[in-house]
Amino acid sequence: MTFGSLTYYGLTFARSASALLWIYALLGVGMRYLNTSNRFLKAANEGGLPYYILHQTAIVAIGFFVIQWSLPIAAKYLLIVALACLGTVLPYLLLVRPWNPVRFLFGMRLRKRS
């Protein structure tokens, strides 16, 4: 199979079409069977934007220090992942989610007063 040959272009087209059809099939399965809702999904949907904003800061801040340690790469990776998860979820749950002024700053809907 030489670059520029008809066989090359045919196989490239077949691979691309196959990938696209797999994407369509997986989206169809998801639309059919994953269209449910529950409390966890509602809470996760609400916290998506703040999590996205906070995780970058947590990864960079924690990674800056951890990469300087003399540990194997796999240990550094696992440590950064675990600490970044904690460093993202805890500030969200303790500082962002309960307070309306901070919710506003993160682009979330304000909570109704009870």
Foldseek 3Di string as FASTA:
>chain_A
DDPPDPVVVVVVVVVVVVVVVVVVVVVVVCVVPVPDDDPVVVVCVQCVQQLVVQLVVLLVVLLVPLVVDPDDPVVSVVVSVVRSVCSRVVCCVPPQPPDQVNVVVSPGDGDDDD
